[in-house]
C-alpha cells in the first residue's frame, strides 16, 4: 500500500507542472491577473509539497530507528 503523503506529493507536483505550463502560455500583458493567480497557487503548492516531504521524511526516520533497534 502506498503512503498517503507520497500520493499527495505526486498529485500536487502534477498540478504544479500544469500551472507552470499554463504560465508559459500566458501573456503577461494580456493576462496579468490570471498569471498572478497562478503564481499564488504555485507558491501554495510548493509550500504544501515541502511540508509533506518533511512529514514523509520523519516517518521514514521513525521506521529506520525501529529497524536499528531490532536485534
N, C-alpha and C. Protein backbone atom coordinates (compact mmCIF):
# COMPACT_ATOMS: atom_id res chain seq x y z
N UNK A 1 0.84 -1.18 0.00
CA UNK A 1 0.00 0.00 0.00
C UNK A 1 0.89 1.24 0.00
N UNK A 2 0.60 2.14 -0.91
CA UNK A 2 1.41 3.35 -0.99
C UNK A 2 1.05 4.30 0.14
N UNK A 3 2.01 5.12 0.49
CA UNK A 3 1.79 6.05 1.58
C UNK A 3 0.97 7.24 1.11
N UNK A 4 0.15 7.75 2.00
CA UNK A 4 -0.72 8.87 1.69
C UNK A 4 0.09 10.10 1.28
N UNK A 5 1.15 10.39 2.01
CA UNK A 5 1.96 11.57 1.72
C UNK A 5 2.58 11.48 0.32
N UNK A 6 3.06 10.30 -0.01
CA UNK A 6 3.71 10.12 -1.31
C UNK A 6 2.72 10.37 -2.45
N UNK A 7 1.51 9.86 -2.31
CA UNK A 7 0.48 10.07 -3.32
C UNK A 7 0.09 11.54 -3.42
N UNK A 8 -0.03 12.18 -2.28
CA UNK A 8 -0.40 13.60 -2.27
C UNK A 8 0.70 14.46 -2.88
N UNK A 9 1.96 14.14 -2.59
CA UNK A 9 3.09 14.87 -3.19
C UNK A 9 3.04 14.72 -4.71
N UNK A 10 2.76 13.53 -5.18
CA UNK A 10 2.67 13.28 -6.63
C UNK A 10 1.55 14.11 -7.25
N UNK A 11 0.39 14.12 -6.61
CA UNK A 11 -0.76 14.86 -7.12
C UNK A 11 -0.47 16.36 -7.18
N UNK A 12 0.11 16.88 -6.10
CA UNK A 12 0.43 18.31 -6.05
C UNK A 12 1.53 18.67 -7.04
N UNK A 13 2.49 17.79 -7.21
CA UNK A 13 3.56 18.04 -8.19
C UNK A 13 3.01 18.09 -9.61
N UNK A 14 2.07 17.20 -9.89
CA UNK A 14 1.44 17.21 -11.21
C UNK A 14 0.68 18.52 -11.44
N UNK A 15 -0.02 18.97 -10.41
CA UNK A 15 -0.76 20.24 -10.51
C UNK A 15 0.22 21.40 -10.71
N UNK A 16 1.33 21.37 -10.00
CA UNK A 16 2.35 22.41 -10.12
C UNK A 16 2.91 22.45 -11.54
N UNK A 17 3.16 21.30 -12.12
CA UNK A 17 3.63 21.24 -13.51
C UNK A 17 2.60 21.83 -14.46
N UNK A 18 1.33 21.52 -14.24
CA UNK A 18 0.26 22.05 -15.09
C UNK A 18 0.22 23.58 -15.00
N UNK A 19 0.39 24.11 -13.81
CA UNK A 19 0.39 25.57 -13.62
C UNK A 19 1.56 26.19 -14.36
N UNK A 20 2.72 25.57 -14.25
CA UNK A 20 3.90 26.11 -14.95
C UNK A 20 3.68 26.15 -16.46
N UNK A 21 3.03 25.13 -16.98
CA UNK A 21 2.74 25.10 -18.42
C UNK A 21 1.73 26.19 -18.79
N UNK A 22 0.73 26.38 -17.93
CA UNK A 22 -0.25 27.44 -18.18
C UNK A 22 0.42 28.81 -18.18
N UNK A 23 1.31 29.03 -17.22
CA UNK A 23 2.00 30.31 -17.14
C UNK A 23 2.86 30.56 -18.38
N UNK A 24 3.48 29.52 -18.89
CA UNK A 24 4.33 29.67 -20.07
C UNK A 24 3.52 30.11 -21.28
N UNK A 25 2.25 29.70 -21.32
CA UNK A 25 1.39 30.04 -22.45
C UNK A 25 0.71 31.40 -22.32
N UNK A 26 0.76 32.00 -21.12
CA UNK A 26 0.08 33.28 -20.90
C UNK A 26 0.95 34.47 -21.29
N UNK A 27 0.29 35.50 -21.74
CA UNK A 27 0.96 36.77 -22.00
C UNK A 27 0.84 37.61 -20.74
N UNK A 28 1.95 38.10 -20.22
CA UNK A 28 1.91 38.92 -19.00
C UNK A 28 1.12 40.20 -19.21
N UNK A 29 1.15 40.73 -20.40
CA UNK A 29 0.44 41.98 -20.69
C UNK A 29 -1.07 41.76 -20.72
N UNK A 30 -1.50 40.70 -21.41
CA UNK A 30 -2.93 40.47 -21.60
C UNK A 30 -3.59 39.72 -20.44
N UNK A 31 -2.83 38.93 -19.71
CA UNK A 31 -3.42 38.09 -18.67
C UNK A 31 -2.66 38.21 -17.35
N UNK A 32 -2.34 39.42 -16.96
CA UNK A 32 -1.56 39.63 -15.74
C UNK A 32 -2.29 39.11 -14.51
N UNK A 33 -3.61 39.29 -14.45
CA UNK A 33 -4.38 38.82 -13.29
C UNK A 33 -4.33 37.30 -13.18
N UNK A 34 -4.53 36.63 -14.29
CA UNK A 34 -4.50 35.16 -14.30
C UNK A 34 -3.11 34.65 -13.94
N UNK A 35 -2.08 35.32 -14.45
CA UNK A 35 -0.70 34.94 -14.16
C UNK A 35 -0.43 35.08 -12.66
N UNK A 36 -0.88 36.19 -12.06
CA UNK A 36 -0.68 36.41 -10.63
C UNK A 36 -1.43 35.37 -9.80
N UNK A 37 -2.62 35.02 -10.25
CA UNK A 37 -3.41 33.99 -9.56
C UNK A 37 -2.68 32.65 -9.60
N UNK A 38 -2.14 32.30 -10.76
CA UNK A 38 -1.40 31.05 -10.89
C UNK A 38 -0.12 31.08 -10.05
N UNK A 39 0.53 32.23 -9.99
CA UNK A 39 1.75 32.37 -9.19
C UNK A 39 1.45 32.14 -7.71
N UNK A 40 0.31 32.67 -7.25
CA UNK A 40 -0.09 32.49 -5.85
C UNK A 40 -0.38 31.02 -5.56
N UNK A 41 -1.10 30.37 -6.47
CA UNK A 41 -1.40 28.94 -6.30
C UNK A 41 -0.12 28.11 -6.33
N UNK A 42 0.81 28.50 -7.19
CA UNK A 42 2.09 27.80 -7.29
C UNK A 42 2.85 27.87 -5.97
N UNK A 43 2.87 29.04 -5.34
CA UNK A 43 3.56 29.21 -4.06
C UNK A 43 2.90 28.35 -2.98
N UNK A 44 1.58 28.30 -2.99
CA UNK A 44 0.85 27.48 -2.02
C UNK A 44 1.19 26.00 -2.20
N UNK A 45 1.19 25.55 -3.45
CA UNK A 45 1.51 24.15 -3.74
C UNK A 45 2.94 23.80 -3.34
N UNK A 46 3.88 24.70 -3.62
CA UNK A 46 5.28 24.45 -3.26
C UNK A 46 5.44 24.32 -1.75
N UNK A 47 4.73 25.17 -0.99
CA UNK A 47 4.81 25.10 0.47
C UNK A 47 4.22 23.79 0.98
N UNK A 48 3.09 23.37 0.42
CA UNK A 48 2.45 22.13 0.85
C UNK A 48 3.31 20.92 0.49
N UNK A 49 3.92 20.93 -0.67
CA UNK A 49 4.81 19.83 -1.06
C UNK A 49 5.99 19.74 -0.10
N UNK A 50 6.57 20.88 0.26
CA UNK A 50 7.69 20.88 1.20
C UNK A 50 7.26 20.31 2.56
N UNK A 51 6.07 20.69 3.01
CA UNK A 51 5.56 20.20 4.29
C UNK A 51 5.35 18.68 4.23
N UNK A 52 4.76 18.20 3.15
CA UNK A 52 4.51 16.76 3.02
C UNK A 52 5.81 15.97 2.92
N UNK A 53 6.80 16.54 2.26
CA UNK A 53 8.10 15.85 2.17
C UNK A 53 8.73 15.73 3.55
N UNK A 54 8.56 16.75 4.38
CA UNK A 54 9.09 16.71 5.74
C UNK A 54 8.38 15.62 6.56
N UNK A 55 7.06 15.55 6.44
CA UNK A 55 6.29 14.52 7.13
C UNK A 55 6.73 13.13 6.67
N UNK A 56 6.89 12.98 5.37
CA UNK A 56 7.33 11.70 4.79
C UNK A 56 8.72 11.32 5.32
N UNK A 57 9.61 12.29 5.37
CA UNK A 57 10.97 12.06 5.86
C UNK A 57 10.96 11.64 7.33
N UNK A 58 10.12 12.29 8.13
CA UNK A 58 10.03 11.94 9.55
C UNK A 58 9.53 10.51 9.73
N UNK A 59 8.55 10.12 8.91
CA UNK A 59 8.05 8.75 9.01
C UNK A 59 9.12 7.75 8.63
N UNK A 60 9.89 8.07 7.60
CA UNK A 60 10.98 7.17 7.20
C UNK A 60 12.04 7.09 8.30
N UNK A 61 12.31 8.21 8.95
CA UNK A 61 13.29 8.21 10.04
C UNK A 61 12.81 7.33 11.20
N UNK A 62 11.52 7.40 11.50
CA UNK A 62 10.98 6.57 12.57
C UNK A 62 11.10 5.09 12.22
N UNK A 63 10.83 4.76 10.96
CA UNK A 63 10.97 3.37 10.52
C UNK A 63 12.43 2.92 10.63
N UNK A 64 13.35 3.78 10.24
CA UNK A 64 14.77 3.45 10.32
C UNK A 64 15.19 3.22 11.77
N UNK A 65 14.69 4.04 12.69
CA UNK A 65 15.01 3.88 14.10
C UNK A 65 14.49 2.54 14.63
N UNK A 66 13.29 2.17 14.21
CA UNK A 66 12.74 0.88 14.63
C UNK A 66 13.61 -0.27 14.13
N UNK A 67 14.05 -0.17 12.90
CA UNK A 67 14.89 -1.22 12.33
C UNK A 67 16.24 -1.31 13.04
N UNK A 68 16.79 -0.18 13.44
CA UNK A 68 18.08 -0.16 14.13
C UNK A 68 17.98 -0.81 15.51
N UNK A 69 16.81 -0.72 16.14
CA UNK A 69 16.62 -1.28 17.48
C UNK A 69 16.41 -2.79 17.45
N UNK A 70 16.11 -3.32 16.29
CA UNK A 70 15.87 -4.76 16.19
C UNK A 70 17.18 -5.53 16.42
N UNK A 71 17.06 -6.70 17.08
CA UNK A 71 18.27 -7.49 17.34
C UNK A 71 18.83 -8.13 16.09
